[in-house]
Amino acid sequence: MKKYIYRIATTAASLALMVTAFNVNSACMMFVHQPKLPENAKYLRSF
């Protein structure tokens, strides 16, 4: 059982990293609502 929980946790962490990287590299189409990102997220920028 512990092995399955570990696998689910690593998958969730990987998904969270991918979503954060996508969010950092994109901009909101509406200029009014651009949420603030955490300071550590700037290291995930690709440009």
PDB file of N, CA and C in Angstrom:
ATOM      1  N   MET A   1       0.815  -1.187   0.000  1.00  0.00           N
ATOM      2  CA  MET A   1       0.000   0.000   0.000  1.00  0.00           C
ATOM      3  C   MET A   1       0.867   1.263   0.000  1.00  0.00           C
ATOM      4  N   LYS A   2       1.973   1.215   0.718  1.00  0.00           N
ATOM      5  CA  LYS A   2       2.848   2.378   0.788  1.00  0.00           C
ATOM      6  C   LYS A   2       3.455   2.681  -0.577  1.00  0.00           C
ATOM      7  N   LYS A   3       3.702   1.633  -1.358  1.00  0.00           N
ATOM      8  CA  LYS A   3       4.263   1.808  -2.700  1.00  0.00           C
ATOM      9  C   LYS A   3       3.288   2.561  -3.604  1.00  0.00           C
ATOM     10  N   TYR A   4       2.007   2.285  -3.494  1.00  0.00           N
ATOM     11  CA  TYR A   4       1.009   2.954  -4.320  1.00  0.00           C
ATOM     12  C   TYR A   4       0.852   4.420  -3.934  1.00  0.00           C
ATOM     13  N   ILE A   5       0.896   4.688  -2.643  1.00  0.00           N
ATOM     14  CA  ILE A   5       0.798   6.071  -2.187  1.00  0.00           C
ATOM     15  C   ILE A   5       2.001   6.869  -2.671  1.00  0.00           C
ATOM     16  N   TYR A   6       3.179   6.272  -2.618  1.00  0.00           N
ATOM     17  CA  TYR A   6       4.388   6.937  -3.097  1.00  0.00           C
ATOM     18  C   TYR A   6       4.292   7.223  -4.593  1.00  0.00           C
ATOM     19  N   ARG A   7       3.769   6.293  -5.351  1.00  0.00           N
ATOM     20  CA  ARG A   7       3.635   6.480  -6.796  1.00  0.00           C
ATOM     21  C   ARG A   7       2.624   7.574  -7.130  1.00  0.00           C
ATOM     22  N   ILE A   8       1.522   7.622  -6.405  1.00  0.00           N
ATOM     23  CA  ILE A   8       0.512   8.660  -6.621  1.00  0.00           C
ATOM     24  C   ILE A   8       1.083  10.024  -6.247  1.00  0.00           C
ATOM     25  N   ALA A   9       1.837  10.092  -5.155  1.00  0.00           N
ATOM     26  CA  ALA A   9       2.419  11.363  -4.720  1.00  0.00           C
ATOM     27  C   ALA A   9       3.442  11.876  -5.725  1.00  0.00           C
ATOM     28  N   THR A  10       4.275  11.014  -6.281  1.00  0.00           N
ATOM     29  CA  THR A  10       5.254  11.462  -7.269  1.00  0.00           C
ATOM     30  C   THR A  10       4.571  11.899  -8.558  1.00  0.00           C
ATOM     31  N   THR A  11       3.498  11.224  -8.927  1.00  0.00           N
ATOM     32  CA  THR A  11       2.750  11.622 -10.119  1.00  0.00           C
ATOM     33  C   THR A  11       2.091  12.988  -9.905  1.00  0.00           C
ATOM     34  N   ALA A  12       1.540  13.212  -8.736  1.00  0.00           N
ATOM     35  CA  ALA A  12       0.906  14.495  -8.441  1.00  0.00           C
ATOM     36  C   ALA A  12       1.941  15.621  -8.420  1.00  0.00           C
ATOM     37  N   ALA A  13       3.118  15.353  -7.878  1.00  0.00           N
ATOM     38  CA  ALA A  13       4.171  16.373  -7.848  1.00  0.00           C
ATOM     39  C   ALA A  13       4.652  16.697  -9.252  1.00  0.00           C
ATOM     40  N   SER A  14       4.774  15.694 -10.086  1.00  0.00           N
ATOM     41  CA  SER A  14       5.188  15.901 -11.464  1.00  0.00           C
ATOM     42  C   SER A  14       4.142  16.718 -12.226  1.00  0.00           C
ATOM     43  N   LEU A  15       2.889  16.415 -12.026  1.00  0.00           N
ATOM     44  CA  LEU A  15       1.811  17.155 -12.673  1.00  0.00           C
ATOM     45  C   LEU A  15       1.788  18.608 -12.203  1.00  0.00           C
ATOM     46  N   ALA A  16       1.999  18.828 -10.924  1.00  0.00           N
ATOM     47  CA  ALA A  16       2.016  20.192 -10.393  1.00  0.00           C
ATOM     48  C   ALA A  16       3.167  20.994 -10.993  1.00  0.00           C
ATOM     49  N   LEU A  17       4.322  20.371 -11.176  1.00  0.00           N
ATOM     50  CA  LEU A  17       5.464  21.051 -11.785  1.00  0.00           C
ATOM     51  C   LEU A  17       5.169  21.418 -13.235  1.00  0.00           C
ATOM     52  N   MET A  18       4.545  20.517 -13.981  1.00  0.00           N
ATOM     53  CA  MET A  18       4.219  20.798 -15.378  1.00  0.00           C
ATOM     54  C   MET A  18       3.185  21.920 -15.493  1.00  0.00           C
ATOM     55  N   VAL A  19       2.186  21.922 -14.637  1.00  0.00           N
ATOM     56  CA  VAL A  19       1.165  22.961 -14.673  1.00  0.00           C
ATOM     57  C   VAL A  19       1.770  24.311 -14.311  1.00  0.00           C
ATOM     58  N   THR A  20       2.656  24.336 -13.330  1.00  0.00           N
ATOM     59  CA  THR A  20       3.307  25.582 -12.945  1.00  0.00           C
ATOM     60  C   THR A  20       4.189  26.110 -14.064  1.00  0.00           C
ATOM     61  N   ALA A  21       4.945  25.225 -14.716  1.00  0.00           N
ATOM     62  CA  ALA A  21       5.796  25.653 -15.826  1.00  0.00           C
ATOM     63  C   ALA A  21       4.949  26.202 -16.971  1.00  0.00           C
ATOM     64  N   PHE A  22       3.813  25.597 -17.246  1.00  0.00           N
ATOM     65  CA  PHE A  22       2.926  26.098 -18.289  1.00  0.00           C
ATOM     66  C   PHE A  22       2.360  27.462 -17.908  1.00  0.00           C
ATOM     67  N   ASN A  23       2.000  27.626 -16.645  1.00  0.00           N
ATOM     68  CA  ASN A  23       1.426  28.878 -16.173  1.00  0.00           C
ATOM     69  C   ASN A  23       2.441  30.009 -16.211  1.00  0.00           C
ATOM     70  N   VAL A  24       3.687  29.735 -15.918  1.00  0.00           N
ATOM     71  CA  VAL A  24       4.722  30.767 -15.925  1.00  0.00           C
ATOM     72  C   VAL A  24       4.989  31.242 -17.347  1.00  0.00           C
ATOM     73  N   ASN A  25       4.952  30.351 -18.304  1.00  0.00           N
ATOM     74  CA  ASN A  25       5.301  30.680 -19.680  1.00  0.00           C
ATOM     75  C   ASN A  25       4.118  31.188 -20.501  1.00  0.00           C
ATOM     76  N   SER A  26       2.978  31.379 -19.895  1.00  0.00           N
ATOM     77  CA  SER A  26       1.830  31.897 -20.633  1.00  0.00           C
ATOM     78  C   SER A  26       1.312  33.161 -19.939  1.00  0.00           C
ATOM     79  N   ALA A  27       0.573  33.921 -20.677  1.00  0.00           N
ATOM     80  CA  ALA A  27      -0.012  35.147 -20.132  1.00  0.00           C
ATOM     81  C   ALA A  27      -1.525  35.083 -20.292  1.00  0.00           C
ATOM     82  N   CYS A  28      -2.194  35.758 -19.427  1.00  0.00           N
ATOM     83  CA  CYS A  28      -3.648  35.819 -19.484  1.00  0.00           C
ATOM     84  C   CYS A  28      -4.072  36.709 -20.654  1.00  0.00           C
ATOM     85  N   MET A  29      -5.136  36.333 -21.335  1.00  0.00           N
ATOM     86  CA  MET A  29      -5.605  37.129 -22.463  1.00  0.00           C
ATOM     87  C   MET A  29      -6.237  38.439 -21.991  1.00  0.00           C
ATOM     88  N   MET A  30      -6.810  38.427 -20.834  1.00  0.00           N
ATOM     89  CA  MET A  30      -7.403  39.639 -20.275  1.00  0.00           C
ATOM     90  C   MET A  30      -6.361  40.294 -19.373  1.00  0.00           C
ATOM     91  N   PHE A  31      -5.983  41.508 -19.683  1.00  0.00           N
ATOM     92  CA  PHE A  31      -4.915  42.175 -18.946  1.00  0.00           C
ATOM     93  C   PHE A  31      -5.293  42.497 -17.506  1.00  0.00           C
ATOM     94  N   VAL A  32      -6.565  42.427 -17.181  1.00  0.00           N
ATOM     95  CA  VAL A  32      -7.010  42.775 -15.838  1.00  0.00           C
ATOM     96  C   VAL A  32      -6.673  41.675 -14.833  1.00  0.00           C
ATOM     97  N   HIS A  33      -6.740  40.422 -15.254  1.00  0.00           N
ATOM     98  CA  HIS A  33      -6.562  39.308 -14.315  1.00  0.00           C
ATOM     99  C   HIS A  33      -5.309  38.514 -14.652  1.00  0.00           C
ATOM    100  N   GLN A  34      -4.191  38.931 -14.127  1.00  0.00           N
ATOM    101  CA  GLN A  34      -2.948  38.157 -14.239  1.00  0.00           C
ATOM    102  C   GLN A  34      -2.503  37.872 -12.807  1.00  0.00           C
ATOM    103  N   PRO A  35      -2.733  36.644 -12.320  1.00  0.00           N
ATOM    104  CA  PRO A  35      -2.437  36.360 -10.919  1.00  0.00           C
ATOM    105  C   PRO A  35      -0.939  36.428 -10.623  1.00  0.00           C
ATOM    106  N   LYS A  36      -0.613  36.780  -9.400  1.00  0.00           N
ATOM    107  CA  LYS A  36       0.780  36.832  -8.964  1.00  0.00           C
ATOM    108  C   LYS A  36       1.306  35.414  -8.797  1.00  0.00           C
ATOM    109  N   LEU A  37       2.530  35.186  -9.249  1.00  0.00           N
ATOM    110  CA  LEU A  37       3.160  33.879  -9.136  1.00  0.00           C
ATOM    111  C   LEU A  37       4.156  33.881  -7.984  1.00  0.00           C
ATOM    112  N   PRO A  38       4.439  32.713  -7.421  1.00  0.00           N
ATOM    113  CA  PRO A  38       5.450  32.640  -6.372  1.00  0.00           C
ATOM    114  C   PRO A  38       6.829  33.043  -6.901  1.00  0.00           C
ATOM    115  N   GLU A  39       7.688  33.492  -6.014  1.00  0.00           N
ATOM    116  CA  GLU A  39       9.017  33.960  -6.401  1.00  0.00           C
ATOM    117  C   GLU A  39       9.860  32.846  -7.031  1.00  0.00           C
ATOM    118  N   ASN A  40       9.706  31.606  -6.560  1.00  0.00           N
ATOM    119  CA  ASN A  40      10.501  30.496  -7.090  1.00  0.00           C
ATOM    120  C   ASN A  40      10.047  30.054  -8.472  1.00  0.00           C
ATOM    121  N   ALA A  41       8.877  30.462  -8.910  1.00  0.00           N
ATOM    122  CA  ALA A  41       8.370  30.052 -10.214  1.00  0.00           C
ATOM    123  C   ALA A  41       9.109  30.740 -11.356  1.00  0.00           C
ATOM    124  N   LYS A  42       9.805  31.827 -11.076  1.00  0.00           N
ATOM    125  CA  LYS A  42      10.503  32.526 -12.159  1.00  0.00           C
ATOM    126  C   LYS A  42      11.657  31.693 -12.725  1.00  0.00           C
ATOM    127  N   TYR A  43      12.125  30.702 -11.995  1.00  0.00           N
ATOM    128  CA  TYR A  43      13.210  29.842 -12.495  1.00  0.00           C
ATOM    129  C   TYR A  43      12.715  28.849 -13.546  1.00  0.00           C
ATOM    130  N   LEU A  44      11.410  28.716 -13.710  1.00  0.00           N
ATOM    131  CA  LEU A  44      10.835  27.790 -14.687  1.00  0.00           C
ATOM    132  C   LEU A  44      10.573  28.458 -16.043  1.00  0.00           C
ATOM    133  N   ARG A  45      10.879  29.746 -16.157  1.00  0.00           N
ATOM    134  CA  ARG A  45      10.622  30.446 -17.415  1.00  0.00           C
ATOM    135  C   ARG A  45      11.542  29.928 -18.519  1.00  0.00           C
ATOM    136  N   SER A  46      11.018  29.815 -19.723  1.00  0.00           N
ATOM    137  CA  SER A  46      11.816  29.291 -20.824  1.00  0.00           C
ATOM    138  C   SER A  46      12.243  30.379 -21.797  1.00  0.00           C
ATOM    139  N   PHE A  47      11.906  31.612 -21.538  1.00  0.00           N
ATOM    140  CA  PHE A  47      12.334  32.706 -22.419  1.00  0.00           C
ATOM    141  C   PHE A  47      12.967  33.797 -21.635  1.00  0.00           C
TER     142      PHE A  47
END
